[in-house]
N, C-alpha and C. Protein backbone atom coordinates (compact mmCIF):
# COMPACT_ATOMS: atom_id res chain seq x y z
N UNK A 1 -160.59 10.03 20.61
CA UNK A 1 -159.36 10.02 19.84
C UNK A 1 -158.17 10.12 20.79
N UNK A 2 -157.17 9.32 20.57
CA UNK A 2 -155.99 9.28 21.42
C UNK A 2 -154.82 9.97 20.74
N UNK A 3 -153.92 10.56 21.56
CA UNK A 3 -152.70 11.13 20.97
C UNK A 3 -151.72 10.02 20.61
N UNK A 4 -151.95 8.81 21.09
CA UNK A 4 -151.10 7.66 20.78
C UNK A 4 -151.54 7.07 19.46
N UNK A 5 -150.69 7.20 18.44
CA UNK A 5 -151.03 6.67 17.12
C UNK A 5 -150.18 5.47 16.74
N UNK A 6 -148.98 5.38 17.31
CA UNK A 6 -148.07 4.30 16.94
C UNK A 6 -147.28 4.60 15.68
N UNK A 7 -147.60 5.71 14.99
CA UNK A 7 -146.90 6.02 13.74
C UNK A 7 -145.42 6.33 13.96
N UNK A 8 -145.05 6.76 15.15
CA UNK A 8 -143.66 7.11 15.42
C UNK A 8 -142.86 5.99 16.02
N UNK A 9 -143.45 4.83 16.18
CA UNK A 9 -142.75 3.72 16.83
C UNK A 9 -141.53 3.24 16.05
N UNK A 10 -141.49 3.53 14.76
CA UNK A 10 -140.36 3.12 13.93
C UNK A 10 -139.28 4.19 13.84
N UNK A 11 -139.41 5.27 14.63
CA UNK A 11 -138.38 6.30 14.62
C UNK A 11 -138.62 7.41 13.61
N UNK A 12 -139.84 7.51 13.10
CA UNK A 12 -140.17 8.57 12.15
C UNK A 12 -141.28 9.44 12.71
N UNK A 13 -141.36 10.66 12.18
CA UNK A 13 -142.43 11.58 12.55
C UNK A 13 -142.82 12.37 11.31
N UNK A 14 -143.97 12.99 11.36
CA UNK A 14 -144.44 13.76 10.21
C UNK A 14 -144.11 15.23 10.35
N UNK A 15 -143.64 15.82 9.25
CA UNK A 15 -143.48 17.26 9.22
C UNK A 15 -144.85 17.90 9.05
N UNK A 16 -144.93 19.18 9.32
CA UNK A 16 -146.18 19.91 9.09
C UNK A 16 -146.54 19.81 7.62
N UNK A 17 -145.56 20.09 6.76
CA UNK A 17 -145.68 19.89 5.31
C UNK A 17 -144.39 19.26 4.84
N UNK A 18 -144.48 18.20 4.05
CA UNK A 18 -143.28 17.60 3.50
C UNK A 18 -143.09 16.14 3.81
N UNK A 19 -144.09 15.50 4.39
CA UNK A 19 -144.00 14.07 4.59
C UNK A 19 -143.34 13.65 5.89
N UNK A 20 -142.89 12.41 5.92
CA UNK A 20 -142.31 11.83 7.13
C UNK A 20 -140.80 11.87 7.06
N UNK A 21 -140.19 12.07 8.23
CA UNK A 21 -138.73 12.11 8.35
C UNK A 21 -138.34 11.36 9.61
N UNK A 22 -137.05 11.05 9.72
CA UNK A 22 -136.54 10.42 10.93
C UNK A 22 -136.67 11.39 12.11
N UNK A 23 -136.87 10.85 13.28
CA UNK A 23 -137.03 11.70 14.47
C UNK A 23 -135.77 12.49 14.81
N UNK A 24 -134.63 12.10 14.26
CA UNK A 24 -133.42 12.88 14.47
C UNK A 24 -133.04 13.69 13.23
N UNK A 25 -133.98 13.88 12.33
CA UNK A 25 -133.78 14.72 11.16
C UNK A 25 -133.47 16.15 11.61
N UNK A 26 -132.78 16.91 10.78
CA UNK A 26 -132.43 18.28 11.13
C UNK A 26 -133.68 19.14 11.40
N UNK A 27 -134.75 18.88 10.68
CA UNK A 27 -135.99 19.62 10.94
C UNK A 27 -136.49 19.36 12.37
N UNK A 28 -136.55 18.08 12.73
CA UNK A 28 -137.10 17.76 14.06
C UNK A 28 -136.15 18.21 15.17
N UNK A 29 -134.86 18.17 14.92
CA UNK A 29 -133.90 18.68 15.91
C UNK A 29 -134.12 20.17 16.13
N UNK A 30 -134.34 20.92 15.06
CA UNK A 30 -134.51 22.38 15.18
C UNK A 30 -135.83 22.72 15.85
N UNK A 31 -136.94 22.17 15.35
CA UNK A 31 -138.21 22.56 15.97
C UNK A 31 -138.41 21.87 17.31
N UNK A 32 -137.73 20.75 17.54
CA UNK A 32 -137.78 20.12 18.86
C UNK A 32 -137.11 20.97 19.92
N UNK A 33 -136.00 21.61 19.55
CA UNK A 33 -135.34 22.53 20.48
C UNK A 33 -136.26 23.71 20.79
N UNK A 34 -136.98 24.18 19.79
CA UNK A 34 -137.94 25.27 20.04
C UNK A 34 -139.06 24.81 20.96
N UNK A 35 -139.50 23.58 20.81
CA UNK A 35 -140.53 23.05 21.69
C UNK A 35 -140.06 23.08 23.14
N UNK A 36 -138.80 22.71 23.35
CA UNK A 36 -138.22 22.77 24.70
C UNK A 36 -138.19 24.21 25.20
N UNK A 37 -137.80 25.15 24.34
CA UNK A 37 -137.74 26.56 24.74
C UNK A 37 -139.13 27.09 25.09
N UNK A 38 -140.12 26.73 24.31
CA UNK A 38 -141.49 27.16 24.58
C UNK A 38 -141.94 26.63 25.94
N UNK A 39 -141.59 25.40 26.26
CA UNK A 39 -141.95 24.84 27.57
C UNK A 39 -141.22 25.55 28.70
N UNK A 40 -139.93 25.85 28.51
CA UNK A 40 -139.19 26.58 29.54
C UNK A 40 -139.80 27.97 29.74
N UNK A 41 -140.25 28.60 28.66
CA UNK A 41 -140.92 29.89 28.80
C UNK A 41 -142.25 29.74 29.53
N UNK A 42 -142.91 28.61 29.36
CA UNK A 42 -144.12 28.35 30.13
C UNK A 42 -143.84 28.29 31.61
N UNK A 43 -142.72 27.67 31.97
CA UNK A 43 -142.30 27.65 33.37
C UNK A 43 -142.04 29.07 33.86
N UNK A 44 -141.31 29.85 33.06
CA UNK A 44 -141.03 31.24 33.44
C UNK A 44 -142.32 32.03 33.62
N UNK A 45 -143.25 31.84 32.71
CA UNK A 45 -144.53 32.56 32.79
C UNK A 45 -145.28 32.17 34.05
N UNK A 46 -145.26 30.89 34.41
CA UNK A 46 -145.98 30.43 35.61
C UNK A 46 -145.34 30.96 36.89
N UNK A 47 -144.04 31.25 36.84
CA UNK A 47 -143.32 31.75 38.01
C UNK A 47 -143.38 33.28 38.14
N UNK A 48 -143.76 33.94 37.07
CA UNK A 48 -143.70 35.40 37.04
C UNK A 48 -144.75 36.02 37.95
N UNK A 49 -144.31 37.02 38.72
CA UNK A 49 -145.24 37.76 39.55
C UNK A 49 -145.64 39.08 38.88
N UNK A 50 -145.21 39.26 37.64
CA UNK A 50 -145.54 40.45 36.87
C UNK A 50 -146.48 40.06 35.73
N UNK A 51 -147.66 40.66 35.72
CA UNK A 51 -148.62 40.37 34.66
C UNK A 51 -148.07 40.80 33.30
N UNK A 52 -147.36 41.93 33.27
CA UNK A 52 -146.78 42.40 32.00
C UNK A 52 -145.74 41.42 31.48
N UNK A 53 -144.87 40.95 32.36
CA UNK A 53 -143.84 39.98 31.95
C UNK A 53 -144.49 38.69 31.47
N UNK A 54 -145.49 38.22 32.21
CA UNK A 54 -146.17 36.98 31.82
C UNK A 54 -146.82 37.13 30.45
N UNK A 55 -147.43 38.28 30.19
CA UNK A 55 -148.06 38.51 28.89
C UNK A 55 -147.02 38.55 27.78
N UNK A 56 -145.86 39.16 28.05
CA UNK A 56 -144.81 39.22 27.03
C UNK A 56 -144.24 37.85 26.75
N UNK A 57 -144.08 37.05 27.79
CA UNK A 57 -143.57 35.69 27.60
C UNK A 57 -144.56 34.87 26.76
N UNK A 58 -145.85 35.03 27.02
CA UNK A 58 -146.86 34.32 26.23
C UNK A 58 -146.78 34.73 24.76
N UNK A 59 -146.57 36.01 24.49
CA UNK A 59 -146.41 36.46 23.10
C UNK A 59 -145.21 35.78 22.45
N UNK A 60 -144.10 35.70 23.19
CA UNK A 60 -142.91 35.03 22.64
C UNK A 60 -143.18 33.56 22.38
N UNK A 61 -143.91 32.90 23.27
CA UNK A 61 -144.24 31.50 23.05
C UNK A 61 -145.02 31.35 21.74
N UNK A 62 -145.98 32.22 21.53
CA UNK A 62 -146.78 32.16 20.30
C UNK A 62 -145.92 32.41 19.06
N UNK A 63 -145.00 33.38 19.15
CA UNK A 63 -144.13 33.66 18.02
C UNK A 63 -143.21 32.47 17.74
N UNK A 64 -142.75 31.81 18.78
CA UNK A 64 -141.88 30.65 18.57
C UNK A 64 -142.62 29.49 17.91
N UNK A 65 -143.94 29.41 18.10
CA UNK A 65 -144.71 28.42 17.35
C UNK A 65 -144.72 28.76 15.86
N UNK A 66 -144.74 30.04 15.52
CA UNK A 66 -144.65 30.46 14.12
C UNK A 66 -143.32 30.02 13.54
N UNK A 67 -142.23 30.25 14.29
CA UNK A 67 -140.91 29.82 13.85
C UNK A 67 -140.88 28.30 13.70
N UNK A 68 -141.44 27.61 14.67
CA UNK A 68 -141.47 26.15 14.63
C UNK A 68 -142.19 25.61 13.41
N UNK A 69 -143.27 26.28 13.01
CA UNK A 69 -143.99 25.85 11.81
C UNK A 69 -143.10 25.95 10.57
N UNK A 70 -142.29 27.02 10.51
CA UNK A 70 -141.36 27.14 9.38
C UNK A 70 -140.34 26.00 9.39
N UNK A 71 -139.84 25.68 10.59
CA UNK A 71 -138.83 24.63 10.70
C UNK A 71 -139.42 23.24 10.47
N UNK A 72 -140.71 23.10 10.65
CA UNK A 72 -141.38 21.81 10.45
C UNK A 72 -141.93 21.66 9.03
N UNK A 73 -141.52 22.55 8.14
CA UNK A 73 -141.96 22.50 6.75
C UNK A 73 -140.80 22.07 5.86
N UNK A 74 -141.02 21.04 5.11
CA UNK A 74 -139.97 20.53 4.23
C UNK A 74 -139.74 21.42 3.03
N UNK A 75 -138.57 21.28 2.40
CA UNK A 75 -138.26 22.08 1.21
C UNK A 75 -139.32 21.89 0.13
N UNK A 76 -139.65 23.00 -0.51
CA UNK A 76 -140.63 22.95 -1.59
C UNK A 76 -142.08 23.08 -1.14
N UNK A 77 -142.31 23.21 0.16
CA UNK A 77 -143.67 23.27 0.68
C UNK A 77 -144.00 24.61 1.34
N UNK A 78 -143.17 25.62 1.08
CA UNK A 78 -143.39 26.92 1.70
C UNK A 78 -144.74 27.52 1.30
N UNK A 79 -145.15 27.34 0.07
CA UNK A 79 -146.44 27.89 -0.37
C UNK A 79 -147.58 27.30 0.45
N UNK A 80 -147.49 26.01 0.78
CA UNK A 80 -148.52 25.39 1.63
C UNK A 80 -148.54 26.05 3.01
N UNK A 81 -147.36 26.27 3.57
CA UNK A 81 -147.26 26.92 4.87
C UNK A 81 -147.88 28.31 4.82
N UNK A 82 -147.50 29.10 3.83
CA UNK A 82 -147.99 30.48 3.72
C UNK A 82 -149.50 30.55 3.52
N UNK A 83 -150.08 29.53 2.90
CA UNK A 83 -151.54 29.50 2.70
C UNK A 83 -152.29 29.33 4.01
N UNK A 84 -151.69 28.65 4.97
CA UNK A 84 -152.42 28.27 6.17
C UNK A 84 -151.93 28.89 7.47
N UNK A 85 -150.69 29.40 7.49
CA UNK A 85 -150.11 29.88 8.74
C UNK A 85 -149.39 31.21 8.54
N UNK A 86 -149.15 31.90 9.64
CA UNK A 86 -148.28 33.06 9.63
C UNK A 86 -146.85 32.58 9.44
N UNK A 87 -146.00 33.45 8.92
CA UNK A 87 -144.59 33.13 8.75
C UNK A 87 -143.76 34.21 9.44
N UNK A 88 -142.49 33.93 9.64
CA UNK A 88 -141.58 34.87 10.28
C UNK A 88 -141.28 36.00 9.29
N UNK A 89 -141.43 37.24 9.77
CA UNK A 89 -141.23 38.42 8.93
C UNK A 89 -140.11 39.29 9.50
N UNK A 90 -139.53 40.16 8.67
CA UNK A 90 -138.54 41.10 9.18
C UNK A 90 -139.11 41.98 10.30
N UNK A 91 -140.38 42.32 10.22
CA UNK A 91 -140.98 43.15 11.26
C UNK A 91 -140.95 42.47 12.63
N UNK A 92 -141.07 41.15 12.65
CA UNK A 92 -141.00 40.42 13.92
C UNK A 92 -139.61 40.55 14.53
N UNK A 93 -138.57 40.39 13.71
CA UNK A 93 -137.20 40.51 14.21
C UNK A 93 -136.89 41.94 14.62
N UNK A 94 -137.37 42.89 13.83
CA UNK A 94 -137.16 44.31 14.15
C UNK A 94 -137.79 44.67 15.49
N UNK A 95 -138.96 44.13 15.76
CA UNK A 95 -139.65 44.41 17.04
C UNK A 95 -138.84 43.87 18.21
N UNK A 96 -138.26 42.69 18.06
CA UNK A 96 -137.41 42.14 19.12
C UNK A 96 -136.20 43.04 19.35
N UNK A 97 -135.59 43.49 18.27
CA UNK A 97 -134.41 44.33 18.39
C UNK A 97 -134.74 45.64 19.11
N UNK A 98 -135.88 46.25 18.78
CA UNK A 98 -136.29 47.49 19.45
C UNK A 98 -136.52 47.24 20.94
N UNK A 99 -137.10 46.10 21.28
CA UNK A 99 -137.32 45.78 22.68
C UNK A 99 -136.00 45.56 23.42
N UNK A 100 -135.05 44.93 22.75
CA UNK A 100 -133.72 44.74 23.34
C UNK A 100 -133.10 46.10 23.68
N UNK A 101 -133.15 47.03 22.73
CA UNK A 101 -132.57 48.36 22.96
C UNK A 101 -133.27 49.07 24.11
N UNK A 102 -134.56 48.92 24.22
CA UNK A 102 -135.30 49.52 25.34
C UNK A 102 -134.83 48.94 26.67
N UNK A 103 -134.68 47.63 26.72
CA UNK A 103 -134.22 46.99 27.96
C UNK A 103 -132.79 47.38 28.28
N UNK A 104 -131.94 47.47 27.27
CA UNK A 104 -130.55 47.87 27.51
C UNK A 104 -130.46 49.26 28.13
N UNK A 105 -131.40 50.13 27.79
CA UNK A 105 -131.41 51.49 28.34
C UNK A 105 -131.91 51.52 29.79
N UNK A 106 -132.65 50.49 30.20
CA UNK A 106 -133.26 50.49 31.53
C UNK A 106 -132.65 49.52 32.52
N UNK A 107 -132.02 48.47 32.04
CA UNK A 107 -131.58 47.38 32.92
C UNK A 107 -130.05 47.37 32.99
N UNK A 108 -129.49 47.59 34.18
CA UNK A 108 -128.03 47.52 34.29
C UNK A 108 -127.54 46.09 34.10
N UNK A 109 -126.46 45.97 33.34
CA UNK A 109 -125.89 44.65 33.08
C UNK A 109 -124.71 44.40 34.01
N UNK A 110 -124.54 43.15 34.42
CA UNK A 110 -123.38 42.82 35.26
C UNK A 110 -122.09 42.99 34.45
N UNK A 111 -121.00 43.13 35.16
CA UNK A 111 -119.71 43.36 34.51
C UNK A 111 -118.99 42.11 34.07
N UNK A 112 -119.62 40.97 34.07
CA UNK A 112 -118.97 39.72 33.68
C UNK A 112 -119.99 38.70 33.23
N UNK A 113 -119.55 37.47 33.13
CA UNK A 113 -120.47 36.39 32.79
C UNK A 113 -121.51 36.25 33.90
N UNK A 114 -122.73 35.97 33.50
CA UNK A 114 -123.82 35.82 34.45
C UNK A 114 -123.99 34.35 34.80
N UNK A 115 -124.11 34.09 36.10
CA UNK A 115 -124.44 32.74 36.55
C UNK A 115 -125.96 32.71 36.73
N UNK A 116 -126.69 31.97 35.88
CA UNK A 116 -128.15 31.96 35.98
C UNK A 116 -128.62 31.46 37.35
N UNK A 117 -129.76 31.97 37.77
CA UNK A 117 -130.36 31.50 39.01
C UNK A 117 -130.59 32.56 40.05
N UNK A 118 -130.48 33.83 39.67
CA UNK A 118 -130.72 34.90 40.63
C UNK A 118 -132.14 34.91 41.16
N UNK A 119 -133.08 34.55 40.30
CA UNK A 119 -134.48 34.40 40.70
C UNK A 119 -135.04 33.21 39.92
N UNK A 120 -136.11 32.58 40.41
CA UNK A 120 -136.68 31.46 39.67
C UNK A 120 -137.13 31.84 38.25
N UNK A 121 -137.81 32.97 38.11
CA UNK A 121 -138.28 33.34 36.78
C UNK A 121 -137.10 33.68 35.86
N UNK A 122 -136.09 34.36 36.40
CA UNK A 122 -134.90 34.66 35.60
C UNK A 122 -134.19 33.39 35.15
N UNK A 123 -134.09 32.42 36.05
CA UNK A 123 -133.45 31.14 35.71
C UNK A 123 -134.22 30.41 34.61
N UNK A 124 -135.54 30.44 34.69
CA UNK A 124 -136.36 29.77 33.66
C UNK A 124 -136.21 30.47 32.32
N UNK A 125 -136.13 31.80 32.33
CA UNK A 125 -135.93 32.54 31.07
C UNK A 125 -134.54 32.23 30.51
N UNK A 126 -133.53 32.16 31.38
CA UNK A 126 -132.19 31.79 30.91
C UNK A 126 -132.17 30.39 30.32
N UNK A 127 -132.91 29.47 30.92
CA UNK A 127 -133.00 28.12 30.35
C UNK A 127 -133.61 28.19 28.95
N UNK A 128 -134.68 28.95 28.80
CA UNK A 128 -135.30 29.12 27.48
C UNK A 128 -134.31 29.73 26.49
N UNK A 129 -133.53 30.70 26.95
CA UNK A 129 -132.53 31.35 26.09
C UNK A 129 -131.55 30.32 25.54
N UNK A 130 -131.06 29.43 26.40
CA UNK A 130 -130.08 28.43 25.93
C UNK A 130 -130.72 27.46 24.95
N UNK A 131 -131.99 27.17 25.13
CA UNK A 131 -132.69 26.27 24.21
C UNK A 131 -132.95 26.94 22.87
N UNK A 132 -133.23 28.25 22.89
CA UNK A 132 -133.37 28.98 21.63
C UNK A 132 -132.03 29.01 20.91
N UNK A 133 -130.94 29.17 21.66
CA UNK A 133 -129.61 29.13 21.04
C UNK A 133 -129.36 27.76 20.39
N UNK A 134 -129.79 26.70 21.06
CA UNK A 134 -129.63 25.36 20.45
C UNK A 134 -130.45 25.27 19.17
N UNK A 135 -131.68 25.76 19.22
CA UNK A 135 -132.52 25.75 18.03
C UNK A 135 -131.85 26.55 16.90
N UNK A 136 -131.22 27.65 17.27
CA UNK A 136 -130.51 28.45 16.27
C UNK A 136 -129.37 27.63 15.64
N UNK A 137 -128.60 26.93 16.46
CA UNK A 137 -127.51 26.11 15.92
C UNK A 137 -128.06 25.01 15.01
N UNK A 138 -129.15 24.38 15.42
CA UNK A 138 -129.75 23.32 14.59
C UNK A 138 -130.30 23.91 13.29
N UNK A 139 -130.80 25.14 13.37
CA UNK A 139 -131.34 25.80 12.18
C UNK A 139 -130.22 26.15 11.21
N UNK A 140 -129.05 26.52 11.71
CA UNK A 140 -127.90 26.77 10.84
C UNK A 140 -127.58 25.48 10.06
N UNK A 141 -127.58 24.35 10.75
CA UNK A 141 -127.32 23.07 10.07
C UNK A 141 -128.39 22.79 9.04
N UNK A 142 -129.63 23.03 9.40
CA UNK A 142 -130.75 22.79 8.49
C UNK A 142 -130.66 23.71 7.28
N UNK A 143 -130.31 24.96 7.51
CA UNK A 143 -130.18 25.92 6.40
C UNK A 143 -129.05 25.50 5.46
N UNK A 144 -127.95 25.03 6.03
CA UNK A 144 -126.81 24.59 5.23
C UNK A 144 -127.22 23.46 4.28
N UNK A 145 -128.18 22.65 4.71
CA UNK A 145 -128.66 21.53 3.88
C UNK A 145 -129.83 21.93 2.97
N UNK A 146 -130.15 23.22 2.94
CA UNK A 146 -131.23 23.69 2.07
C UNK A 146 -132.62 23.53 2.65
N UNK A 147 -132.72 23.31 3.95
CA UNK A 147 -134.01 23.05 4.57
C UNK A 147 -134.72 24.25 5.16
N UNK A 148 -134.14 25.46 5.03
CA UNK A 148 -134.78 26.68 5.53
C UNK A 148 -134.88 27.65 4.37
N UNK A 149 -136.10 27.94 3.96
CA UNK A 149 -136.28 28.81 2.81
C UNK A 149 -136.36 30.28 3.20
N UNK A 150 -136.65 30.57 4.46
CA UNK A 150 -136.83 31.95 4.91
C UNK A 150 -135.61 32.36 5.75
N UNK A 151 -134.72 33.21 5.23
CA UNK A 151 -133.54 33.61 6.00
C UNK A 151 -133.89 34.39 7.27
N UNK A 152 -135.10 34.91 7.36
CA UNK A 152 -135.50 35.68 8.53
C UNK A 152 -135.63 34.80 9.77
N UNK A 153 -135.77 33.49 9.58
CA UNK A 153 -135.89 32.57 10.71
C UNK A 153 -134.65 32.65 11.59
N UNK A 154 -133.47 32.59 10.99
CA UNK A 154 -132.23 32.66 11.77
C UNK A 154 -132.07 34.01 12.46
N UNK A 155 -132.40 35.07 11.77
CA UNK A 155 -132.30 36.40 12.38
C UNK A 155 -133.24 36.51 13.58
N UNK A 156 -134.45 35.99 13.43
CA UNK A 156 -135.41 36.03 14.53
C UNK A 156 -134.87 35.26 15.74
N UNK A 157 -134.36 34.06 15.51
CA UNK A 157 -133.86 33.25 16.62
C UNK A 157 -132.70 33.94 17.33
N UNK A 158 -131.82 34.56 16.56
CA UNK A 158 -130.70 35.27 17.15
C UNK A 158 -131.19 36.42 18.03
N UNK A 159 -132.12 37.21 17.53
CA UNK A 159 -132.67 38.32 18.32
C UNK A 159 -133.47 37.81 19.52
N UNK A 160 -134.17 36.72 19.34
CA UNK A 160 -134.98 36.18 20.44
C UNK A 160 -134.09 35.78 21.61
N UNK A 161 -132.99 35.11 21.35
CA UNK A 161 -132.12 34.71 22.46
C UNK A 161 -131.51 35.92 23.14
N UNK A 162 -131.18 36.96 22.36
CA UNK A 162 -130.68 38.20 22.97
C UNK A 162 -131.74 38.84 23.85
N UNK A 163 -132.97 38.86 23.36
CA UNK A 163 -134.07 39.42 24.15
C UNK A 163 -134.27 38.63 25.44
N UNK A 164 -134.21 37.31 25.34
CA UNK A 164 -134.39 36.50 26.54
C UNK A 164 -133.29 36.77 27.56
N UNK A 165 -132.06 37.01 27.10
CA UNK A 165 -130.99 37.37 28.02
C UNK A 165 -131.38 38.64 28.78
N UNK A 166 -131.87 39.62 28.05
CA UNK A 166 -132.23 40.89 28.70
C UNK A 166 -133.46 40.74 29.60
N UNK A 167 -134.42 39.94 29.19
CA UNK A 167 -135.60 39.72 30.04
C UNK A 167 -135.21 39.01 31.33
N UNK A 168 -134.25 38.09 31.25
CA UNK A 168 -133.78 37.42 32.47
C UNK A 168 -133.08 38.40 33.39
N UNK A 169 -132.27 39.29 32.81
CA UNK A 169 -131.59 40.28 33.65
C UNK A 169 -132.61 41.23 34.30
N UNK A 170 -133.64 41.58 33.55
CA UNK A 170 -134.69 42.43 34.11
C UNK A 170 -135.39 41.72 35.28
N UNK A 171 -135.65 40.43 35.11
CA UNK A 171 -136.33 39.66 36.16
C UNK A 171 -135.45 39.48 37.38
N UNK A 172 -134.13 39.57 37.20
CA UNK A 172 -133.19 39.34 38.30
C UNK A 172 -132.58 40.62 38.85
N UNK A 173 -133.07 41.77 38.47
CA UNK A 173 -132.42 43.02 38.88
C UNK A 173 -132.05 42.98 40.35
N UNK A 174 -130.76 43.18 40.59
CA UNK A 174 -130.26 43.17 41.95
C UNK A 174 -129.92 41.78 42.46
N UNK A 175 -130.31 40.74 41.76
CA UNK A 175 -130.05 39.38 42.23
C UNK A 175 -129.08 38.64 41.33
N UNK A 176 -128.51 39.32 40.33
CA UNK A 176 -127.59 38.68 39.39
C UNK A 176 -126.26 38.39 40.06
N UNK A 177 -125.72 37.23 39.80
CA UNK A 177 -124.42 36.82 40.32
C UNK A 177 -123.46 36.73 39.15
N UNK A 178 -122.31 37.42 39.27
CA UNK A 178 -121.29 37.35 38.23
C UNK A 178 -120.39 36.15 38.51
N UNK A 179 -119.66 35.74 37.48
CA UNK A 179 -118.74 34.61 37.63
C UNK A 179 -117.66 34.94 38.66
N UNK A 180 -117.05 33.91 39.21
CA UNK A 180 -116.01 34.08 40.23
C UNK A 180 -114.87 34.96 39.77
N UNK A 181 -114.44 34.78 38.52
CA UNK A 181 -113.36 35.61 38.00
C UNK A 181 -113.72 37.08 38.02
N UNK A 182 -114.96 37.37 37.72
CA UNK A 182 -115.41 38.76 37.73
C UNK A 182 -115.40 39.30 39.16
N UNK A 183 -115.83 38.50 40.11
CA UNK A 183 -115.84 38.96 41.51
C UNK A 183 -114.42 39.25 41.99
N UNK A 184 -113.45 38.41 41.58
CA UNK A 184 -112.06 38.65 41.97
C UNK A 184 -111.58 39.98 41.41
N UNK A 185 -111.89 40.26 40.14
CA UNK A 185 -111.46 41.52 39.53
C UNK A 185 -112.11 42.71 40.23
N UNK A 186 -113.38 42.58 40.59
CA UNK A 186 -114.07 43.66 41.31
C UNK A 186 -113.43 43.88 42.67
N UNK A 187 -113.07 42.80 43.37
CA UNK A 187 -112.45 42.93 44.70
C UNK A 187 -111.07 43.59 44.56
N UNK A 188 -110.33 43.22 43.51
CA UNK A 188 -109.01 43.83 43.31
C UNK A 188 -109.13 45.33 43.07
N UNK A 189 -110.16 45.75 42.32
CA UNK A 189 -110.36 47.18 42.08
C UNK A 189 -110.71 47.91 43.36
N UNK A 190 -111.42 47.24 44.24
CA UNK A 190 -111.83 47.86 45.50
C UNK A 190 -110.72 47.80 46.56
N UNK A 191 -109.59 47.15 46.26
CA UNK A 191 -108.46 47.08 47.17
C UNK A 191 -108.55 45.99 48.21
N UNK A 192 -109.37 44.97 47.97
CA UNK A 192 -109.48 43.85 48.92
C UNK A 192 -108.43 42.82 48.69
């Protein structure tokens, strides 16, 4: 069996539940952005020298597949999704928020905008963060059109990108670079 079916040659793809849609449909834009984020997290996981961090990234990848399944389900088909797959729950978002608070207590934050790239794993996590933010924006558009039945999806995506910001800072501890404007303000305070 080949992954090449030819069914998408006309610019359409199939939702998980809900039939076929254009490849630039709001559903495919939202879950496609998540697919990119999951891949960027795979890069981060492969670069990680911490087994704990790699395991946590893998958990996030799996959770984002749950979110993606919700986004790949057309209106009116939520019951089908719930019969066969896990769905995004408030407990999932709450767990991310608790982890964010734990990281905030342990990881010093820079005093300005962060320029990604302090470490390879941190840069890959930051890339994933920006892709989750894109998925969040696409999900807002999809929700506005009535295509998201579970309001917890947006909350989860918002918390996930915040968590990824903190995980990147943790991975870059001591290697974070602040924006030039921030460096100027720091130098002025030091009397340079």
